[in-house]
């Protein structure tokens, strides 16, 4: 499985507002943990990304990717619609059955 390609698709879907496709790359038991909140289901995460984010006009700019046999970490910057940096992040992805099972976000 090409995890880097799967992670690229994850960020592309977030930036392009393609939530049906995003849903398809996430495992049914998907969870995300981040400093400000956690999402304990795929449905809750996708719904928040579609309707709950305070700023939907953003772009994820990935600076580095580190991959192991079981996980992948992406270091990047979140940019607003003017290209200004909002914050830096590290997302640590875990996978199962060709989908993203979990993301731990550090910012």
PDB file of N, CA and C in Angstrom:
ATOM      1  N   UNK A   1       0.845  -1.183   0.000  1.00  0.00           N
ATOM      2  CA  UNK A   1       0.000   0.000   0.000  1.00  0.00           C
ATOM      3  C   UNK A   1       0.883   1.236   0.000  1.00  0.00           C
ATOM      4  N   UNK A   2       0.542   2.200  -0.828  1.00  0.00           N
ATOM      5  CA  UNK A   2       1.267   3.461  -0.899  1.00  0.00           C
ATOM      6  C   UNK A   2       0.609   4.460   0.061  1.00  0.00           C
ATOM      7  N   UNK A   3       1.095   4.473   1.289  1.00  0.00           N
ATOM      8  CA  UNK A   3       0.503   5.328   2.311  1.00  0.00           C
ATOM      9  C   UNK A   3       0.672   6.811   1.986  1.00  0.00           C
ATOM     10  N   UNK A   4       1.798   7.181   1.398  1.00  0.00           N
ATOM     11  CA  UNK A   4       2.025   8.591   1.057  1.00  0.00           C
ATOM     12  C   UNK A   4       0.965   9.088   0.080  1.00  0.00           C
ATOM     13  N   UNK A   5       0.610   8.273  -0.871  1.00  0.00           N
ATOM     14  CA  UNK A   5      -0.433   8.657  -1.825  1.00  0.00           C
ATOM     15  C   UNK A   5      -1.796   8.802  -1.139  1.00  0.00           C
ATOM     16  N   UNK A   6      -2.073   7.916  -0.211  1.00  0.00           N
ATOM     17  CA  UNK A   6      -3.318   7.975   0.547  1.00  0.00           C
ATOM     18  C   UNK A   6      -3.382   9.259   1.388  1.00  0.00           C
ATOM     19  N   UNK A   7      -2.268   9.624   2.005  1.00  0.00           N
ATOM     20  CA  UNK A   7      -2.202  10.849   2.798  1.00  0.00           C
ATOM     21  C   UNK A   7      -2.319  12.081   1.896  1.00  0.00           C
ATOM     22  N   UNK A   8      -1.700  12.056   0.737  1.00  0.00           N
ATOM     23  CA  UNK A   8      -1.870  13.153  -0.229  1.00  0.00           C
ATOM     24  C   UNK A   8      -3.338  13.339  -0.583  1.00  0.00           C
ATOM     25  N   UNK A   9      -4.046  12.238  -0.770  1.00  0.00           N
ATOM     26  CA  UNK A   9      -5.466  12.295  -1.100  1.00  0.00           C
ATOM     27  C   UNK A   9      -6.269  12.878   0.069  1.00  0.00           C
ATOM     28  N   UNK A  10      -5.910  12.532   1.278  1.00  0.00           N
ATOM     29  CA  UNK A  10      -6.549  13.077   2.476  1.00  0.00           C
ATOM     30  C   UNK A  10      -6.464  14.601   2.483  1.00  0.00           C
ATOM     31  N   UNK A  11      -5.265  15.134   2.309  1.00  0.00           N
ATOM     32  CA  UNK A  11      -5.093  16.590   2.306  1.00  0.00           C
ATOM     33  C   UNK A  11      -5.775  17.235   1.099  1.00  0.00           C
ATOM     34  N   UNK A  12      -5.701  16.603  -0.055  1.00  0.00           N
ATOM     35  CA  UNK A  12      -6.350  17.140  -1.254  1.00  0.00           C
ATOM     36  C   UNK A  12      -7.856  17.263  -1.031  1.00  0.00           C
ATOM     37  N   UNK A  13      -8.446  16.226  -0.447  1.00  0.00           N
ATOM     38  CA  UNK A  13      -9.889  16.248  -0.183  1.00  0.00           C
ATOM     39  C   UNK A  13     -10.257  17.349   0.808  1.00  0.00           C
ATOM     40  N   UNK A  14      -9.460  17.533   1.857  1.00  0.00           N
ATOM     41  CA  UNK A  14      -9.732  18.605   2.813  1.00  0.00           C
ATOM     42  C   UNK A  14      -9.687  19.969   2.131  1.00  0.00           C
ATOM     43  N   UNK A  15      -8.653  20.198   1.334  1.00  0.00           N
ATOM     44  CA  UNK A  15      -8.470  21.500   0.693  1.00  0.00           C
ATOM     45  C   UNK A  15      -9.496  21.760  -0.402  1.00  0.00           C
ATOM     46  N   UNK A  16      -9.940  20.701  -1.087  1.00  0.00           N
ATOM     47  CA  UNK A  16     -10.887  20.841  -2.204  1.00  0.00           C
ATOM     48  C   UNK A  16     -12.341  20.656  -1.771  1.00  0.00           C
ATOM     49  N   UNK A  17     -12.570  20.423  -0.483  1.00  0.00           N
ATOM     50  CA  UNK A  17     -13.926  20.231   0.044  1.00  0.00           C
ATOM     51  C   UNK A  17     -14.619  19.022  -0.592  1.00  0.00           C
ATOM     52  N   UNK A  18     -13.877  17.964  -0.833  1.00  0.00           N
ATOM     53  CA  UNK A  18     -14.421  16.733  -1.412  1.00  0.00           C
ATOM     54  C   UNK A  18     -14.671  15.725  -0.287  1.00  0.00           C
ATOM     55  N   UNK A  19     -15.765  15.930   0.419  1.00  0.00           N
ATOM     56  CA  UNK A  19     -16.023  15.167   1.637  1.00  0.00           C
ATOM     57  C   UNK A  19     -16.473  13.733   1.377  1.00  0.00           C
ATOM     58  N   UNK A  20     -17.125  13.476   0.268  1.00  0.00           N
ATOM     59  CA  UNK A  20     -17.478  12.086  -0.049  1.00  0.00           C
ATOM     60  C   UNK A  20     -16.221  11.271  -0.312  1.00  0.00           C
ATOM     61  N   UNK A  21     -15.278  11.845  -1.044  1.00  0.00           N
ATOM     62  CA  UNK A  21     -14.016  11.150  -1.303  1.00  0.00           C
ATOM     63  C   UNK A  21     -13.218  11.015  -0.013  1.00  0.00           C
ATOM     64  N   UNK A  22     -13.216  12.068   0.808  1.00  0.00           N
ATOM     65  CA  UNK A  22     -12.539  11.994   2.103  1.00  0.00           C
ATOM     66  C   UNK A  22     -13.090  10.831   2.918  1.00  0.00           C
ATOM     67  N   UNK A  23     -14.387  10.698   2.954  1.00  0.00           N
ATOM     68  CA  UNK A  23     -15.028   9.599   3.670  1.00  0.00           C
ATOM     69  C   UNK A  23     -14.506   8.248   3.187  1.00  0.00           C
ATOM     70  N   UNK A  24     -14.254   8.133   1.896  1.00  0.00           N
ATOM     71  CA  UNK A  24     -13.821   6.850   1.333  1.00  0.00           C
ATOM     72  C   UNK A  24     -12.374   6.490   1.678  1.00  0.00           C
ATOM     73  N   UNK A  25     -11.532   7.471   2.015  1.00  0.00           N
ATOM     74  CA  UNK A  25     -10.145   7.151   2.373  1.00  0.00           C
ATOM     75  C   UNK A  25      -9.993   6.893   3.871  1.00  0.00           C
ATOM     76  N   UNK A  26     -11.046   7.203   4.634  1.00  0.00           N
ATOM     77  CA  UNK A  26     -11.006   6.991   6.078  1.00  0.00           C
ATOM     78  C   UNK A  26     -11.647   5.653   6.446  1.00  0.00           C
ATOM     79  N   UNK A  27     -11.009   4.931   7.320  1.00  0.00           N
ATOM     80  CA  UNK A  27     -11.494   3.644   7.817  1.00  0.00           C
ATOM     81  C   UNK A  27     -12.813   3.862   8.569  1.00  0.00           C
ATOM     82  N   UNK A  28     -13.737   2.908   8.536  1.00  0.00           N
ATOM     83  CA  UNK A  28     -14.995   3.056   9.285  1.00  0.00           C
ATOM     84  C   UNK A  28     -14.796   3.342  10.778  1.00  0.00           C
ATOM     85  N   UNK A  29     -13.688   2.895  11.357  1.00  0.00           N
ATOM     86  CA  UNK A  29     -13.408   3.131  12.771  1.00  0.00           C
ATOM     87  C   UNK A  29     -12.424   4.286  12.984  1.00  0.00           C
ATOM     88  N   UNK A  30     -12.340   5.191  12.035  1.00  0.00           N
ATOM     89  CA  UNK A  30     -11.423   6.322  12.076  1.00  0.00           C
ATOM     90  C   UNK A  30     -11.606   7.169  13.331  1.00  0.00           C
ATOM     91  N   UNK A  31     -10.478   7.641  13.878  1.00  0.00           N
ATOM     92  CA  UNK A  31     -10.464   8.615  14.971  1.00  0.00           C
ATOM     93  C   UNK A  31      -9.362   9.641  14.699  1.00  0.00           C
ATOM     94  N   UNK A  32      -9.576  10.839  15.212  1.00  0.00           N
ATOM     95  CA  UNK A  32      -8.525  11.864  15.177  1.00  0.00           C
ATOM     96  C   UNK A  32      -8.435  12.504  16.548  1.00  0.00           C
ATOM     97  N   UNK A  33      -7.205  12.675  17.015  1.00  0.00           N
ATOM     98  CA  UNK A  33      -6.943  13.361  18.276  1.00  0.00           C
ATOM     99  C   UNK A  33      -6.038  14.537  17.962  1.00  0.00           C
ATOM    100  N   UNK A  34      -6.404  15.705  18.473  1.00  0.00           N
ATOM    101  CA  UNK A  34      -5.622  16.920  18.274  1.00  0.00           C
ATOM    102  C   UNK A  34      -5.683  17.744  19.546  1.00  0.00           C
ATOM    103  N   UNK A  35      -4.863  18.770  19.683  1.00  0.00           N
ATOM    104  CA  UNK A  35      -4.798  19.501  20.951  1.00  0.00           C
ATOM    105  C   UNK A  35      -6.130  20.105  21.404  1.00  0.00           C
ATOM    106  N   UNK A  36      -6.951  20.551  20.469  1.00  0.00           N
ATOM    107  CA  UNK A  36      -8.172  21.255  20.862  1.00  0.00           C
ATOM    108  C   UNK A  36      -9.417  20.379  20.922  1.00  0.00           C
ATOM    109  N   UNK A  37      -9.369  19.170  20.359  1.00  0.00           N
ATOM    110  CA  UNK A  37     -10.548  18.295  20.372  1.00  0.00           C
ATOM    111  C   UNK A  37     -10.183  16.927  19.812  1.00  0.00           C
ATOM    112  N   UNK A  38     -11.109  15.991  19.974  1.00  0.00           N
ATOM    113  CA  UNK A  38     -10.955  14.654  19.389  1.00  0.00           C
ATOM    114  C   UNK A  38     -12.231  14.299  18.648  1.00  0.00           C
ATOM    115  N   UNK A  39     -12.069  13.501  17.617  1.00  0.00           N
ATOM    116  CA  UNK A  39     -13.201  12.973  16.865  1.00  0.00           C
ATOM    117  C   UNK A  39     -13.135  11.467  16.976  1.00  0.00           C
ATOM    118  N   UNK A  40     -14.159  10.880  17.530  1.00  0.00           N
ATOM    119  CA  UNK A  40     -14.167   9.445  17.803  1.00  0.00           C
ATOM    120  C   UNK A  40     -14.870   8.632  16.725  1.00  0.00           C
ATOM    121  N   UNK A  41     -15.198   9.283  15.599  1.00  0.00           N
ATOM    122  CA  UNK A  41     -15.804   8.539  14.494  1.00  0.00           C
ATOM    123  C   UNK A  41     -15.519   9.245  13.178  1.00  0.00           C
ATOM    124  N   UNK A  42     -15.551   8.476  12.119  1.00  0.00           N
ATOM    125  CA  UNK A  42     -15.371   9.024  10.774  1.00  0.00           C
ATOM    126  C   UNK A  42     -16.455  10.045  10.480  1.00  0.00           C
ATOM    127  N   UNK A  43     -17.694   9.712  10.830  1.00  0.00           N
ATOM    128  CA  UNK A  43     -18.816  10.609  10.563  1.00  0.00           C
ATOM    129  C   UNK A  43     -18.627  11.958  11.244  1.00  0.00           C
ATOM    130  N   UNK A  44     -18.241  11.964  12.507  1.00  0.00           N
ATOM    131  CA  UNK A  44     -18.048  13.215  13.250  1.00  0.00           C
ATOM    132  C   UNK A  44     -16.929  14.052  12.636  1.00  0.00           C
ATOM    133  N   UNK A  45     -15.850  13.403  12.230  1.00  0.00           N
ATOM    134  CA  UNK A  45     -14.725  14.121  11.637  1.00  0.00           C
ATOM    135  C   UNK A  45     -15.124  14.755  10.308  1.00  0.00           C
ATOM    136  N   UNK A  46     -15.722  13.985   9.416  1.00  0.00           N
ATOM    137  CA  UNK A  46     -16.101  14.497   8.100  1.00  0.00           C
ATOM    138  C   UNK A  46     -17.146  15.601   8.245  1.00  0.00           C
ATOM    139  N   UNK A  47     -18.095  15.422   9.140  1.00  0.00           N
ATOM    140  CA  UNK A  47     -19.110  16.451   9.361  1.00  0.00           C
ATOM    141  C   UNK A  47     -18.481  17.759   9.851  1.00  0.00           C
ATOM    142  N   UNK A  48     -17.533  17.663  10.773  1.00  0.00           N
ATOM    143  CA  UNK A  48     -16.853  18.865  11.261  1.00  0.00           C
ATOM    144  C   UNK A  48     -16.084  19.545  10.130  1.00  0.00           C
ATOM    145  N   UNK A  49     -15.377  18.771   9.341  1.00  0.00           N
ATOM    146  CA  UNK A  49     -14.613  19.352   8.241  1.00  0.00           C
ATOM    147  C   UNK A  49     -15.531  20.030   7.225  1.00  0.00           C
ATOM    148  N   UNK A  50     -16.709  19.480   7.022  1.00  0.00           N
ATOM    149  CA  UNK A  50     -17.642  20.033   6.042  1.00  0.00           C
ATOM    150  C   UNK A  50     -18.393  21.254   6.570  1.00  0.00           C
ATOM    151  N   UNK A  51     -18.766  21.243   7.852  1.00  0.00           N
ATOM    152  CA  UNK A  51     -19.658  22.311   8.335  1.00  0.00           C
ATOM    153  C   UNK A  51     -19.208  23.005   9.606  1.00  0.00           C
ATOM    154  N   UNK A  52     -18.210  22.485  10.311  1.00  0.00           N
ATOM    155  CA  UNK A  52     -17.868  23.046  11.608  1.00  0.00           C
ATOM    156  C   UNK A  52     -16.558  23.797  11.698  1.00  0.00           C
ATOM    157  N   UNK A  53     -15.736  23.686  10.669  1.00  0.00           N
ATOM    158  CA  UNK A  53     -14.438  24.364  10.729  1.00  0.00           C
ATOM    159  C   UNK A  53     -14.616  25.879  10.730  1.00  0.00           C
ATOM    160  N   UNK A  54     -13.855  26.584  11.560  1.00  0.00           N
ATOM    161  CA  UNK A  54     -13.974  28.045  11.567  1.00  0.00           C
ATOM    162  C   UNK A  54     -13.440  28.688  10.287  1.00  0.00           C
ATOM    163  N   UNK A  55     -12.505  28.034   9.618  1.00  0.00           N
ATOM    164  CA  UNK A  55     -11.934  28.575   8.385  1.00  0.00           C
ATOM    165  C   UNK A  55     -11.817  27.436   7.372  1.00  0.00           C
ATOM    166  N   UNK A  56     -12.674  27.446   6.358  1.00  0.00           N
ATOM    167  CA  UNK A  56     -12.656  26.362   5.371  1.00  0.00           C
ATOM    168  C   UNK A  56     -11.794  26.671   4.159  1.00  0.00           C
ATOM    169  N   UNK A  57     -11.385  27.914   4.010  1.00  0.00           N
ATOM    170  CA  UNK A  57     -10.564  28.301   2.845  1.00  0.00           C
ATOM    171  C   UNK A  57      -9.095  28.230   3.219  1.00  0.00           C
ATOM    172  N   UNK A  58      -8.617  27.003   3.383  1.00  0.00           N
ATOM    173  CA  UNK A  58      -7.229  26.775   3.782  1.00  0.00           C
ATOM    174  C   UNK A  58      -6.563  25.786   2.842  1.00  0.00           C
ATOM    175  N   UNK A  59      -5.240  25.782   2.909  1.00  0.00           N
ATOM    176  CA  UNK A  59      -4.429  24.851   2.133  1.00  0.00           C
ATOM    177  C   UNK A  59      -3.394  24.218   3.055  1.00  0.00           C
ATOM    178  N   UNK A  60      -3.261  22.914   2.945  1.00  0.00           N
ATOM    179  CA  UNK A  60      -2.226  22.204   3.692  1.00  0.00           C
ATOM    180  C   UNK A  60      -0.971  22.132   2.821  1.00  0.00           C
ATOM    181  N   UNK A  61       0.097  22.732   3.285  1.00  0.00           N
ATOM    182  CA  UNK A  61       1.370  22.691   2.566  1.00  0.00           C
ATOM    183  C   UNK A  61       2.294  21.734   3.321  1.00  0.00           C
ATOM    184  N   UNK A  62       2.570  20.588   2.712  1.00  0.00           N
ATOM    185  CA  UNK A  62       3.377  19.556   3.366  1.00  0.00           C
ATOM    186  C   UNK A  62       4.853  19.823   3.089  1.00  0.00           C
ATOM    187  N   UNK A  63       5.638  19.853   4.168  1.00  0.00           N
ATOM    188  CA  UNK A  63       7.071  20.146   4.093  1.00  0.00           C
ATOM    189  C   UNK A  63       7.916  18.869   4.099  1.00  0.00           C
ATOM    190  N   UNK A  64       7.481  17.869   4.867  1.00  0.00           N
ATOM    191  CA  UNK A  64       8.262  16.636   4.981  1.00  0.00           C
ATOM    192  C   UNK A  64       7.341  15.479   5.341  1.00  0.00           C
ATOM    193  N   UNK A  65       7.703  14.295   4.870  1.00  0.00           N
ATOM    194  CA  UNK A  65       6.963  13.071   5.174  1.00  0.00           C
ATOM    195  C   UNK A  65       7.966  12.020   5.641  1.00  0.00           C
ATOM    196  N   UNK A  66       7.661  11.389   6.760  1.00  0.00           N
ATOM    197  CA  UNK A  66       8.476  10.302   7.285  1.00  0.00           C
ATOM    198  C   UNK A  66       7.591   9.078   7.383  1.00  0.00           C
ATOM    199  N   UNK A  67       8.040   7.978   6.771  1.00  0.00           N
ATOM    200  CA  UNK A  67       7.199   6.793   6.693  1.00  0.00           C
ATOM    201  C   UNK A  67       7.899   5.591   7.302  1.00  0.00           C
ATOM    202  N   UNK A  68       7.125   4.799   8.050  1.00  0.00           N
ATOM    203  CA  UNK A  68       7.608   3.519   8.558  1.00  0.00           C
ATOM    204  C   UNK A  68       6.690   2.442   8.006  1.00  0.00           C
ATOM    205  N   UNK A  69       6.894   1.220   8.426  1.00  0.00           N
ATOM    206  CA  UNK A  69       6.060   0.128   7.933  1.00  0.00           C
ATOM    207  C   UNK A  69       4.611   0.256   8.409  1.00  0.00           C
ATOM    208  N   UNK A  70       4.391   0.882   9.562  1.00  0.00           N
ATOM    209  CA  UNK A  70       3.051   0.919  10.144  1.00  0.00           C
ATOM    210  C   UNK A  70       2.411   2.303  10.183  1.00  0.00           C
ATOM    211  N   UNK A  71       3.209   3.358   9.975  1.00  0.00           N
ATOM    212  CA  UNK A  71       2.643   4.697  10.103  1.00  0.00           C
ATOM    213  C   UNK A  71       3.378   5.680   9.205  1.00  0.00           C
ATOM    214  N   UNK A  72       2.836   6.884   9.152  1.00  0.00           N
ATOM    215  CA  UNK A  72       3.431   7.952   8.357  1.00  0.00           C
ATOM    216  C   UNK A  72       3.221   9.251   9.119  1.00  0.00           C
ATOM    217  N   UNK A  73       4.245  10.095   9.159  1.00  0.00           N
ATOM    218  CA  UNK A  73       4.132  11.411   9.781  1.00  0.00           C
ATOM    219  C   UNK A  73       4.344  12.474   8.711  1.00  0.00           C
ATOM    220  N   UNK A  74       3.470  13.470   8.722  1.00  0.00           N
ATOM    221  CA  UNK A  74       3.569  14.575   7.775  1.00  0.00           C
ATOM    222  C   UNK A  74       3.735  15.874   8.565  1.00  0.00           C
ATOM    223  N   UNK A  75       4.778  16.622   8.214  1.00  0.00           N
ATOM    224  CA  UNK A  75       5.007  17.930   8.820  1.00  0.00           C
ATOM    225  C   UNK A  75       4.614  18.967   7.785  1.00  0.00           C
ATOM    226  N   UNK A  76       3.792  19.930   8.208  1.00  0.00           N
ATOM    227  CA  UNK A  76       3.360  20.927   7.246  1.00  0.00           C
ATOM    228  C   UNK A  76       2.907  22.214   7.895  1.00  0.00           C
ATOM    229  N   UNK A  77       2.375  23.057   7.032  1.00  0.00           N
ATOM    230  CA  UNK A  77       1.858  24.355   7.461  1.00  0.00           C
ATOM    231  C   UNK A  77       0.449  24.502   6.912  1.00  0.00           C
ATOM    232  N   UNK A  78      -0.444  25.055   7.715  1.00  0.00           N
ATOM    233  CA  UNK A  78      -1.787  25.366   7.248  1.00  0.00           C
ATOM    234  C   UNK A  78      -1.797  26.835   6.850  1.00  0.00           C
ATOM    235  N   UNK A  79      -2.190  27.089   5.597  1.00  0.00           N
ATOM    236  CA  UNK A  79      -2.197  28.444   5.050  1.00  0.00           C
ATOM    237  C   UNK A  79      -3.621  28.916   4.841  1.00  0.00           C
ATOM    238  N   UNK A  80      -3.859  30.217   5.052  1.00  0.00           N
ATOM    239  CA  UNK A  80      -5.179  30.773   4.769  1.00  0.00           C
ATOM    240  C   UNK A  80      -5.295  31.090   3.276  1.00  0.00           C
ATOM    241  N   UNK A  81      -6.418  31.670   2.863  1.00  0.00           N
ATOM    242  CA  UNK A  81      -6.661  31.907   1.436  1.00  0.00           C
ATOM    243  C   UNK A  81      -5.702  32.914   0.830  1.00  0.00           C
ATOM    244  N   UNK A  82      -5.028  33.717   1.653  1.00  0.00           N
ATOM    245  CA  UNK A  82      -4.026  34.662   1.150  1.00  0.00           C
ATOM    246  C   UNK A  82      -2.615  34.069   1.153  1.00  0.00           C
ATOM    247  N   UNK A  83      -2.501  32.803   1.556  1.00  0.00           N
ATOM    248  CA  UNK A  83      -1.204  32.142   1.595  1.00  0.00           C
ATOM    249  C   UNK A  83      -0.411  32.414   2.854  1.00  0.00           C
ATOM    250  N   UNK A  84      -1.043  33.031   3.849  1.00  0.00           N
ATOM    251  CA  UNK A  84      -0.369  33.297   5.114  1.00  0.00           C
ATOM    252  C   UNK A  84      -0.490  32.090   6.033  1.00  0.00           C
ATOM    253  N   UNK A  85       0.591  31.825   6.752  1.00  0.00           N
ATOM    254  CA  UNK A  85       0.603  30.674   7.655  1.00  0.00           C
ATOM    255  C   UNK A  85      -0.283  30.913   8.863  1.00  0.00           C
ATOM    256  N   UNK A  86      -1.172  29.956   9.123  1.00  0.00           N
ATOM    257  CA  UNK A  86      -1.985  29.976  10.331  1.00  0.00           C
ATOM    258  C   UNK A  86      -1.264  29.260  11.473  1.00  0.00           C
ATOM    259  N   UNK A  87      -0.686  28.084  11.162  1.00  0.00           N
ATOM    260  CA  UNK A  87       0.105  27.348  12.138  1.00  0.00           C
ATOM    261  C   UNK A  87       0.833  26.201  11.450  1.00  0.00           C
ATOM    262  N   UNK A  88       1.813  25.633  12.156  1.00  0.00           N
ATOM    263  CA  UNK A  88       2.511  24.430  11.707  1.00  0.00           C
ATOM    264  C   UNK A  88       1.886  23.234  12.409  1.00  0.00           C
ATOM    265  N   UNK A  89       2.022  22.071  11.773  1.00  0.00           N
ATOM    266  CA  UNK A  89       1.460  20.855  12.368  1.00  0.00           C
ATOM    267  C   UNK A  89       2.310  19.654  12.005  1.00  0.00           C
ATOM    268  N   UNK A  90       2.138  18.626  12.804  1.00  0.00           N
ATOM    269  CA  UNK A  90       2.626  17.285  12.479  1.00  0.00           C
ATOM    270  C   UNK A  90       1.433  16.362  12.646  1.00  0.00           C
ATOM    271  N   UNK A  91       1.092  15.635  11.591  1.00  0.00           N
ATOM    272  CA  UNK A  91       0.037  14.629  11.631  1.00  0.00           C
ATOM    273  C   UNK A  91       0.691  13.256  11.577  1.00  0.00           C
ATOM    274  N   UNK A  92       0.349  12.411  12.514  1.00  0.00           N
ATOM    275  CA  UNK A  92       0.840  11.029  12.528  1.00  0.00           C
ATOM    276  C   UNK A  92      -0.339  10.133  12.154  1.00  0.00           C
ATOM    277  N   UNK A  93      -0.191   9.440  11.034  1.00  0.00           N
ATOM    278  CA  UNK A  93      -1.249   8.602  10.474  1.00  0.00           C
ATOM    279  C   UNK A  93      -0.973   7.136  10.778  1.00  0.00           C
ATOM    280  N   UNK A  94      -2.054   6.401  11.090  1.00  0.00           N
ATOM    281  CA  UNK A  94      -2.009   4.942  11.176  1.00  0.00           C
ATOM    282  C   UNK A  94      -3.040   4.394  10.192  1.00  0.00           C
ATOM    283  N   UNK A  95      -2.810   3.205   9.698  1.00  0.00           N
ATOM    284  CA  UNK A  95      -3.596   2.654   8.600  1.00  0.00           C
ATOM    285  C   UNK A  95      -4.104   1.260   8.932  1.00  0.00           C
ATOM    286  N   UNK A  96      -5.196   0.913   8.266  1.00  0.00           N
ATOM    287  CA  UNK A  96      -5.727  -0.440   8.355  1.00  0.00           C
ATOM    288  C   UNK A  96      -6.522  -0.722   7.090  1.00  0.00           C
ATOM    289  N   UNK A  97      -6.269  -1.845   6.482  1.00  0.00           N
ATOM    290  CA  UNK A  97      -7.045  -2.304   5.332  1.00  0.00           C
ATOM    291  C   UNK A  97      -7.111  -1.269   4.202  1.00  0.00           C
ATOM    292  N   UNK A  98      -5.973  -0.596   3.944  1.00  0.00           N
ATOM    293  CA  UNK A  98      -5.903   0.340   2.831  1.00  0.00           C
ATOM    294  C   UNK A  98      -6.582   1.673   3.068  1.00  0.00           C
ATOM    295  N   UNK A  99      -6.899   1.975   4.325  1.00  0.00           N
ATOM    296  CA  UNK A  99      -7.537   3.248   4.662  1.00  0.00           C
ATOM    297  C   UNK A  99      -6.831   3.872   5.857  1.00  0.00           C
ATOM    298  N   UNK A 100      -7.104   5.156   6.085  1.00  0.00           N
ATOM    299  CA  UNK A 100      -6.546   5.848   7.244  1.00  0.00           C
ATOM    300  C   UNK A 100      -7.395   5.501   8.456  1.00  0.00           C
ATOM    301  N   UNK A 101      -6.764   4.879   9.441  1.00  0.00           N
ATOM    302  CA  UNK A 101      -7.453   4.446  10.663  1.00  0.00           C
ATOM    303  C   UNK A 101      -7.456   5.554  11.722  1.00  0.00           C
ATOM    304  N   UNK A 102      -6.346   6.286  11.839  1.00  0.00           N
ATOM    305  CA  UNK A 102      -6.241   7.294  12.896  1.00  0.00           C
ATOM    306  C   UNK A 102      -5.253   8.374  12.493  1.00  0.00           C
ATOM    307  N   UNK A 103      -5.503   9.564  13.010  1.00  0.00           N
ATOM    308  CA  UNK A 103      -4.584  10.689  12.849  1.00  0.00           C
ATOM    309  C   UNK A 103      -4.414  11.341  14.214  1.00  0.00           C
ATOM    310  N   UNK A 104      -3.173  11.469  14.640  1.00  0.00           N
ATOM    311  CA  UNK A 104      -2.838  12.234  15.843  1.00  0.00           C
ATOM    312  C   UNK A 104      -2.170  13.510  15.354  1.00  0.00           C
ATOM    313  N   UNK A 105      -2.789  14.651  15.667  1.00  0.00           N
ATOM    314  CA  UNK A 105      -2.303  15.939  15.195  1.00  0.00           C
ATOM    315  C   UNK A 105      -1.634  16.693  16.333  1.00  0.00           C
ATOM    316  N   UNK A 106      -0.471  17.249  16.024  1.00  0.00           N
ATOM    317  CA  UNK A 106       0.278  18.071  16.965  1.00  0.00           C
ATOM    318  C   UNK A 106       0.522  19.419  16.295  1.00  0.00           C
ATOM    319  N   UNK A 107       0.150  20.508  16.985  1.00  0.00           N
ATOM    320  CA  UNK A 107       0.350  21.830  16.398  1.00  0.00           C
ATOM    321  C   UNK A 107       0.843  22.810  17.443  1.00  0.00           C
TER     322      UNK A 107
END
